[in-house]
Amino acid sequence: MTARAFAAAGAAVVLVAQGLAQAPAYTYRKVMVPVRDGIKLETVILAPANDSGPLPILFRRSPYGVPSSAAGAGQGSLAALAHDGYIFVIQNLRGRFGSEGTFELSSKADPEIRQRRARPPTRTIPSTGW
């Protein structure tokens, strides 16, 4: 094989590897999802563009906002899940960004958490059994 043939074969391998490394294309849909008390939460659904049928879903609720587009979906730490065909659903907390309602820290929202005293870690670890 000549040097030119080796170079062409090497370039082909690089192009194939780059194609495999890219995350699949995703569709973008923003919806308002009602919760039990009628408040609607801003939700973005990123679904693989070329897959159909039942797919696994990764749901994340966040106080930091939802993506404004499908660009970057399934990249970084989510790349392996994207290649497995996961649907990514990201939802804003109540009162954050496009969600309705009033934002409250979860410890304030649940009166039982405020009343219950946290168990010290030194007592918890021995009781786990591992």
C-alpha atoms as a PDB file:
ATOM      1  CA  MET A   1       0.000   0.000   0.000  1.00  0.00           C
ATOM      2  CA  THR A   2       1.251   3.432  -0.826  1.00  0.00           C
ATOM      3  CA  ALA A   3       1.482   6.372   1.533  1.00  0.00           C
ATOM      4  CA  ARG A   4      -1.468   7.976  -0.289  1.00  0.00           C
ATOM      5  CA  ALA A   5      -3.645   4.903   0.357  1.00  0.00           C
ATOM      6  CA  PHE A   6      -2.674   4.871   4.052  1.00  0.00           C
ATOM      7  CA  ALA A   7      -3.569   8.551   4.348  1.00  0.00           C
ATOM      8  CA  ALA A   8      -6.947   8.001   2.681  1.00  0.00           C
ATOM      9  CA  ALA A   9      -7.720   5.025   4.943  1.00  0.00           C
ATOM     10  CA  GLY A  10      -6.699   7.020   8.027  1.00  0.00           C
ATOM     11  CA  ALA A  11      -8.914   9.943   6.995  1.00  0.00           C
ATOM     12  CA  ALA A  12     -11.855   7.583   6.491  1.00  0.00           C
ATOM     13  CA  VAL A  13     -11.387   6.105   9.975  1.00  0.00           C
ATOM     14  CA  VAL A  14     -11.299   9.604  11.515  1.00  0.00           C
ATOM     15  CA  LEU A  15     -14.493  10.634   9.692  1.00  0.00           C
ATOM     16  CA  VAL A  16     -16.327   7.471  10.784  1.00  0.00           C
ATOM     17  CA  ALA A  17     -15.171   7.945  14.394  1.00  0.00           C
ATOM     18  CA  GLN A  18     -16.361  11.562  14.372  1.00  0.00           C
ATOM     19  CA  GLY A  19     -19.763  10.480  13.048  1.00  0.00           C
ATOM     20  CA  LEU A  20     -20.113   7.891  15.822  1.00  0.00           C
ATOM     21  CA  ALA A  21     -19.086  10.382  18.503  1.00  0.00           C
ATOM     22  CA  GLN A  22     -21.804  12.897  17.618  1.00  0.00           C
ATOM     23  CA  ALA A  23     -24.957  12.824  19.705  1.00  0.00           C
ATOM     24  CA  PRO A  24     -28.163  11.904  17.854  1.00  0.00           C
ATOM     25  CA  ALA A  25     -30.498  14.666  16.676  1.00  0.00           C
ATOM     26  CA  TYR A  26     -33.305  15.608  19.073  1.00  0.00           C
ATOM     27  CA  THR A  27     -36.692  17.244  18.629  1.00  0.00           C
ATOM     28  CA  TYR A  28     -37.604  20.103  20.985  1.00  0.00           C
ATOM     29  CA  ARG A  29     -41.038  20.653  22.522  1.00  0.00           C
ATOM     30  CA  LYS A  30     -41.949  23.077  25.321  1.00  0.00           C
ATOM     31  CA  VAL A  31     -45.208  22.385  27.198  1.00  0.00           C
ATOM     32  CA  MET A  32     -46.899  23.534  30.399  1.00  0.00           C
ATOM     33  CA  VAL A  33     -47.670  20.515  32.599  1.00  0.00           C
ATOM     34  CA  PRO A  34     -50.344  20.883  35.316  1.00  0.00           C
ATOM     35  CA  VAL A  35     -49.643  19.471  38.785  1.00  0.00           C
ATOM     36  CA  ARG A  36     -52.173  18.392  41.456  1.00  0.00           C
ATOM     37  CA  ASP A  37     -53.039  21.911  42.641  1.00  0.00           C
ATOM     38  CA  GLY A  38     -53.548  23.231  39.088  1.00  0.00           C
ATOM     39  CA  ILE A  39     -50.253  25.132  38.835  1.00  0.00           C
ATOM     40  CA  LYS A  40     -48.540  24.615  35.463  1.00  0.00           C
ATOM     41  CA  LEU A  41     -44.814  23.895  35.276  1.00  0.00           C
ATOM     42  CA  GLU A  42     -42.693  24.822  32.255  1.00  0.00           C
ATOM     43  CA  THR A  43     -41.406  21.565  30.766  1.00  0.00           C
ATOM     44  CA  VAL A  44     -39.123  20.797  27.826  1.00  0.00           C
ATOM     45  CA  ILE A  45     -39.205  17.406  26.123  1.00  0.00           C
ATOM     46  CA  LEU A  46     -36.154  16.431  24.079  1.00  0.00           C
ATOM     47  CA  ALA A  47     -36.895  13.256  22.103  1.00  0.00           C
ATOM     48  CA  PRO A  48     -34.637  11.457  19.620  1.00  0.00           C
ATOM     49  CA  ALA A  49     -35.667  12.607  16.143  1.00  0.00           C
ATOM     50  CA  ASN A  50     -35.249   9.254  14.416  1.00  0.00           C
ATOM     51  CA  ASP A  51     -36.536   6.832  17.060  1.00  0.00           C
ATOM     52  CA  SER A  52     -40.092   5.722  17.671  1.00  0.00           C
ATOM     53  CA  GLY A  53     -41.851   3.303  19.941  1.00  0.00           C
ATOM     54  CA  PRO A  54     -41.385   2.970  23.684  1.00  0.00           C
ATOM     55  CA  LEU A  55     -38.196   4.719  24.791  1.00  0.00           C
ATOM     56  CA  PRO A  56     -36.636   5.220  28.237  1.00  0.00           C
ATOM     57  CA  ILE A  57     -37.108   8.633  29.861  1.00  0.00           C
ATOM     58  CA  LEU A  58     -34.789  10.639  32.104  1.00  0.00           C
ATOM     59  CA  PHE A  59     -36.790  13.242  34.074  1.00  0.00           C
ATOM     60  CA  ARG A  60     -35.082  16.175  35.799  1.00  0.00           C
ATOM     61  CA  ARG A  61     -36.727  18.982  37.766  1.00  0.00           C
ATOM     62  CA  SER A  62     -34.529  22.058  38.126  1.00  0.00           C
ATOM     63  CA  PRO A  63     -34.525  25.568  39.603  1.00  0.00           C
ATOM     64  CA  TYR A  64     -31.988  26.638  36.944  1.00  0.00           C
ATOM     65  CA  GLY A  65     -34.162  26.851  33.835  1.00  0.00           C
ATOM     66  CA  VAL A  66     -34.868  24.632  30.842  1.00  0.00           C
ATOM     67  CA  PRO A  67     -32.969  24.489  27.541  1.00  0.00           C
ATOM     68  CA  SER A  68     -34.030  27.035  24.920  1.00  0.00           C
ATOM     69  CA  SER A  69     -33.364  24.602  22.057  1.00  0.00           C
ATOM     70  CA  ALA A  70     -32.357  21.016  21.296  1.00  0.00           C
ATOM     71  CA  ALA A  71     -28.766  22.090  20.597  1.00  0.00           C
ATOM     72  CA  GLY A  72     -26.427  20.200  22.896  1.00  0.00           C
ATOM     73  CA  ALA A  73     -29.020  17.605  23.904  1.00  0.00           C
ATOM     74  CA  GLY A  74     -27.438  14.323  24.863  1.00  0.00           C
ATOM     75  CA  GLN A  75     -23.884  15.591  25.001  1.00  0.00           C
ATOM     76  CA  GLY A  76     -21.337  15.587  27.789  1.00  0.00           C
ATOM     77  CA  SER A  77     -22.275  13.317  30.684  1.00  0.00           C
ATOM     78  CA  LEU A  78     -25.539  12.332  28.939  1.00  0.00           C
ATOM     79  CA  ALA A  79     -23.894  11.090  25.711  1.00  0.00           C
ATOM     80  CA  ALA A  80     -24.146   7.388  26.591  1.00  0.00           C
ATOM     81  CA  LEU A  81     -27.843   7.777  27.457  1.00  0.00           C
ATOM     82  CA  ALA A  82     -28.445   9.678  24.214  1.00  0.00           C
ATOM     83  CA  HIS A  83     -26.892   6.855  22.194  1.00  0.00           C
ATOM     84  CA  ASP A  84     -29.244   4.437  24.000  1.00  0.00           C
ATOM     85  CA  GLY A  85     -32.220   6.500  22.777  1.00  0.00           C
ATOM     86  CA  TYR A  86     -33.293   8.220  26.010  1.00  0.00           C
ATOM     87  CA  ILE A  87     -35.905  10.975  26.012  1.00  0.00           C
ATOM     88  CA  PHE A  88     -34.814  13.872  28.246  1.00  0.00           C
ATOM     89  CA  VAL A  89     -37.526  15.786  30.116  1.00  0.00           C
ATOM     90  CA  ILE A  90     -36.466  18.933  31.997  1.00  0.00           C
ATOM     91  CA  GLN A  91     -38.975  20.789  34.181  1.00  0.00           C
ATOM     92  CA  ASN A  92     -38.666  24.083  36.041  1.00  0.00           C
ATOM     93  CA  LEU A  93     -39.636  24.179  39.693  1.00  0.00           C
ATOM     94  CA  ARG A  94     -42.773  26.058  40.649  1.00  0.00           C
ATOM     95  CA  GLY A  95     -42.243  29.820  40.547  1.00  0.00           C
ATOM     96  CA  ARG A  96     -39.009  29.582  38.533  1.00  0.00           C
ATOM     97  CA  PHE A  97     -38.598  31.002  35.011  1.00  0.00           C
ATOM     98  CA  GLY A  98     -41.717  30.081  32.954  1.00  0.00           C
ATOM     99  CA  SER A  99     -43.434  28.011  35.652  1.00  0.00           C
ATOM    100  CA  GLU A 100     -46.461  29.317  37.524  1.00  0.00           C
ATOM    101  CA  GLY A 101     -46.742  29.540  41.297  1.00  0.00           C
ATOM    102  CA  THR A 102     -44.410  30.724  44.045  1.00  0.00           C
ATOM    103  CA  PHE A 103     -40.935  29.304  44.539  1.00  0.00           C
ATOM    104  CA  GLU A 104     -40.233  27.968  48.039  1.00  0.00           C
ATOM    105  CA  LEU A 105     -37.407  25.860  49.342  1.00  0.00           C
ATOM    106  CA  SER A 106     -38.567  22.270  49.772  1.00  0.00           C
ATOM    107  CA  SER A 107     -37.923  22.342  53.522  1.00  0.00           C
ATOM    108  CA  LYS A 108     -40.373  25.240  53.828  1.00  0.00           C
ATOM    109  CA  ALA A 109     -42.955  23.541  51.614  1.00  0.00           C
ATOM    110  CA  ASP A 110     -43.172  20.408  53.763  1.00  0.00           C
ATOM    111  CA  PRO A 111     -44.074  21.182  57.417  1.00  0.00           C
ATOM    112  CA  GLU A 112     -43.165  17.633  58.506  1.00  0.00           C
ATOM    113  CA  ILE A 113     -39.562  18.156  57.410  1.00  0.00           C
ATOM    114  CA  ARG A 114     -39.303  21.324  59.504  1.00  0.00           C
ATOM    115  CA  GLN A 115     -40.677  19.570  62.587  1.00  0.00           C
ATOM    116  CA  ARG A 116     -38.643  16.389  62.262  1.00  0.00           C
ATOM    117  CA  ARG A 117     -35.102  16.582  63.584  1.00  0.00           C
ATOM    118  CA  ALA A 118     -32.463  15.212  61.229  1.00  0.00           C
ATOM    119  CA  ARG A 119     -30.723  12.091  62.473  1.00  0.00           C
ATOM    120  CA  PRO A 120     -26.979  12.615  62.952  1.00  0.00           C
ATOM    121  CA  PRO A 121     -24.900  10.739  60.343  1.00  0.00           C
ATOM    122  CA  THR A 122     -22.840   9.021  63.047  1.00  0.00           C
ATOM    123  CA  ARG A 123     -26.001   7.270  64.291  1.00  0.00           C
ATOM    124  CA  THR A 124     -27.315   6.527  60.793  1.00  0.00           C
ATOM    125  CA  ILE A 125     -24.262   4.791  59.308  1.00  0.00           C
ATOM    126  CA  PRO A 126     -24.036   1.898  61.818  1.00  0.00           C
ATOM    127  CA  SER A 127     -27.763   1.206  61.474  1.00  0.00           C
ATOM    128  CA  THR A 128     -27.605   0.711  57.690  1.00  0.00           C
ATOM    129  CA  GLY A 129     -26.214  -2.814  57.933  1.00  0.00           C
ATOM    130  CA  TRP A 130     -23.375  -2.389  55.487  1.00  0.00           C
END
